[in-house]
């Protein structure tokens, strides 16, 4: 990203990639307990959205359309053709 970078955590490389998106105000760490319960080789991606966690210093806007664009950039940057998007409304 031209305006900085988003903290991305990836683990494993087996199975369909699970891309975890945290709730408004959360962080990649929101999903730690879930990822720890998955097989260690399961491909998972977690990231701190713009404005939160290690990505809190990235400039706004912190609107849903910008957060969606960031998600697309991450997925493309990792070369993911298919993935399962996992989110939480909490």
C-alpha atoms as a PDB file:
ATOM      1  CA  UNK A   1       0.000   0.000   0.000  1.00  0.00           C
ATOM      2  CA  UNK A   2       1.216   3.431  -0.856  1.00  0.00           C
ATOM      3  CA  UNK A   3       0.249   4.847   2.534  1.00  0.00           C
ATOM      4  CA  UNK A   4       1.816   2.129   4.704  1.00  0.00           C
ATOM      5  CA  UNK A   5       1.336  -1.540   5.361  1.00  0.00           C
ATOM      6  CA  UNK A   6      -1.228  -3.711   7.042  1.00  0.00           C
ATOM      7  CA  UNK A   7      -0.097  -6.280   9.587  1.00  0.00           C
ATOM      8  CA  UNK A   8      -0.836  -9.727   8.088  1.00  0.00           C
ATOM      9  CA  UNK A   9      -0.358 -13.085   9.845  1.00  0.00           C
ATOM     10  CA  UNK A  10      -0.346 -16.290   7.825  1.00  0.00           C
ATOM     11  CA  UNK A  11      -0.008 -19.841   9.106  1.00  0.00           C
ATOM     12  CA  UNK A  12      -0.007 -23.201   7.334  1.00  0.00           C
ATOM     13  CA  UNK A  13      -0.558 -23.946   3.673  1.00  0.00           C
ATOM     14  CA  UNK A  14      -3.053 -26.860   3.661  1.00  0.00           C
ATOM     15  CA  UNK A  15      -6.697 -26.829   2.665  1.00  0.00           C
ATOM     16  CA  UNK A  16      -8.792 -23.926   1.512  1.00  0.00           C
ATOM     17  CA  UNK A  17      -7.391 -20.710   2.953  1.00  0.00           C
ATOM     18  CA  UNK A  18      -9.454 -19.270   5.790  1.00  0.00           C
ATOM     19  CA  UNK A  19      -9.285 -15.461   5.782  1.00  0.00           C
ATOM     20  CA  UNK A  20     -10.359 -14.086   9.161  1.00  0.00           C
ATOM     21  CA  UNK A  21     -11.698 -10.518   9.357  1.00  0.00           C
ATOM     22  CA  UNK A  22     -12.060  -8.998  12.821  1.00  0.00           C
ATOM     23  CA  UNK A  23     -14.957  -6.879  14.036  1.00  0.00           C
ATOM     24  CA  UNK A  24     -14.901  -3.063  14.230  1.00  0.00           C
ATOM     25  CA  UNK A  25     -12.341  -2.231  16.909  1.00  0.00           C
ATOM     26  CA  UNK A  26     -10.788  -5.714  17.070  1.00  0.00           C
ATOM     27  CA  UNK A  27      -7.487  -6.983  15.696  1.00  0.00           C
ATOM     28  CA  UNK A  28      -5.936 -10.071  14.125  1.00  0.00           C
ATOM     29  CA  UNK A  29      -5.486 -11.319  17.686  1.00  0.00           C
ATOM     30  CA  UNK A  30      -9.269 -11.559  17.986  1.00  0.00           C
ATOM     31  CA  UNK A  31      -8.954 -14.866  16.128  1.00  0.00           C
ATOM     32  CA  UNK A  32      -5.975 -16.349  18.049  1.00  0.00           C
ATOM     33  CA  UNK A  33      -8.053 -18.827  20.075  1.00  0.00           C
ATOM     34  CA  UNK A  34      -9.868 -20.023  16.939  1.00  0.00           C
ATOM     35  CA  UNK A  35      -6.707 -20.469  14.859  1.00  0.00           C
ATOM     36  CA  UNK A  36      -4.957 -22.310  17.716  1.00  0.00           C
ATOM     37  CA  UNK A  37      -7.709 -24.938  17.636  1.00  0.00           C
ATOM     38  CA  UNK A  38      -7.226 -25.633  13.926  1.00  0.00           C
ATOM     39  CA  UNK A  39      -4.643 -28.110  12.616  1.00  0.00           C
ATOM     40  CA  UNK A  40      -1.227 -26.391  12.511  1.00  0.00           C
ATOM     41  CA  UNK A  41      -0.934 -26.894   8.747  1.00  0.00           C
ATOM     42  CA  UNK A  42      -4.344 -25.320   7.997  1.00  0.00           C
ATOM     43  CA  UNK A  43      -3.848 -22.238   5.807  1.00  0.00           C
ATOM     44  CA  UNK A  44      -5.085 -19.201   7.715  1.00  0.00           C
ATOM     45  CA  UNK A  45      -4.748 -15.469   7.174  1.00  0.00           C
ATOM     46  CA  UNK A  46      -5.495 -12.823   9.795  1.00  0.00           C
ATOM     47  CA  UNK A  47      -4.773  -9.122   9.592  1.00  0.00           C
ATOM     48  CA  UNK A  48      -5.152  -5.913  11.541  1.00  0.00           C
ATOM     49  CA  UNK A  49      -7.572  -3.737   9.631  1.00  0.00           C
ATOM     50  CA  UNK A  50      -6.678  -0.138   8.896  1.00  0.00           C
ATOM     51  CA  UNK A  51      -7.104   1.858  12.094  1.00  0.00           C
ATOM     52  CA  UNK A  52      -6.696  -1.050  14.561  1.00  0.00           C
ATOM     53  CA  UNK A  53      -3.965  -3.189  16.089  1.00  0.00           C
ATOM     54  CA  UNK A  54      -0.563  -2.858  14.434  1.00  0.00           C
ATOM     55  CA  UNK A  55      -2.263  -1.075  11.484  1.00  0.00           C
ATOM     56  CA  UNK A  56      -3.767   1.688  13.631  1.00  0.00           C
ATOM     57  CA  UNK A  57      -1.427   4.360  12.266  1.00  0.00           C
ATOM     58  CA  UNK A  58      -2.628   3.944   8.671  1.00  0.00           C
ATOM     59  CA  UNK A  59      -4.579   6.978   7.531  1.00  0.00           C
ATOM     60  CA  UNK A  60      -8.320   6.930   6.938  1.00  0.00           C
ATOM     61  CA  UNK A  61     -10.816   6.814   5.666  1.00  0.00           C
ATOM     62  CA  UNK A  62     -11.822   3.979   7.963  1.00  0.00           C
ATOM     63  CA  UNK A  63     -15.028   3.364   6.029  1.00  0.00           C
ATOM     64  CA  UNK A  64     -16.272  -0.067   5.025  1.00  0.00           C
ATOM     65  CA  UNK A  65     -15.431   0.508   1.357  1.00  0.00           C
ATOM     66  CA  UNK A  66     -11.769   1.242   2.245  1.00  0.00           C
ATOM     67  CA  UNK A  67     -11.598  -1.777   4.556  1.00  0.00           C
ATOM     68  CA  UNK A  68     -13.044  -3.937   1.742  1.00  0.00           C
ATOM     69  CA  UNK A  69     -10.442  -2.557  -0.690  1.00  0.00           C
ATOM     70  CA  UNK A  70      -7.715  -3.424   1.827  1.00  0.00           C
ATOM     71  CA  UNK A  71      -9.061  -6.979   2.087  1.00  0.00           C
ATOM     72  CA  UNK A  72      -8.985  -7.329  -1.705  1.00  0.00           C
ATOM     73  CA  UNK A  73      -5.397  -6.017  -1.789  1.00  0.00           C
ATOM     74  CA  UNK A  74      -4.330  -8.568   0.843  1.00  0.00           C
ATOM     75  CA  UNK A  75      -5.998 -11.495  -0.934  1.00  0.00           C
ATOM     76  CA  UNK A  76      -4.478 -10.484  -4.278  1.00  0.00           C
ATOM     77  CA  UNK A  77      -1.080  -9.831  -2.687  1.00  0.00           C
ATOM     78  CA  UNK A  78      -1.045 -13.340  -1.239  1.00  0.00           C
ATOM     79  CA  UNK A  79      -2.058 -14.796  -4.604  1.00  0.00           C
ATOM     80  CA  UNK A  80      -5.220 -16.416  -3.246  1.00  0.00           C
ATOM     81  CA  UNK A  81      -7.512 -17.580  -6.046  1.00  0.00           C
ATOM     82  CA  UNK A  82     -10.059 -19.103  -3.694  1.00  0.00           C
ATOM     83  CA  UNK A  83     -10.616 -18.649   0.023  1.00  0.00           C
ATOM     84  CA  UNK A  84     -13.233 -18.806   2.739  1.00  0.00           C
ATOM     85  CA  UNK A  85     -14.010 -15.475   4.383  1.00  0.00           C
ATOM     86  CA  UNK A  86     -14.665 -15.751   8.129  1.00  0.00           C
ATOM     87  CA  UNK A  87     -16.056 -12.797  10.051  1.00  0.00           C
ATOM     88  CA  UNK A  88     -17.747 -11.833  13.263  1.00  0.00           C
ATOM     89  CA  UNK A  89     -20.479  -9.325  13.951  1.00  0.00           C
ATOM     90  CA  UNK A  90     -19.530  -8.910  17.607  1.00  0.00           C
END
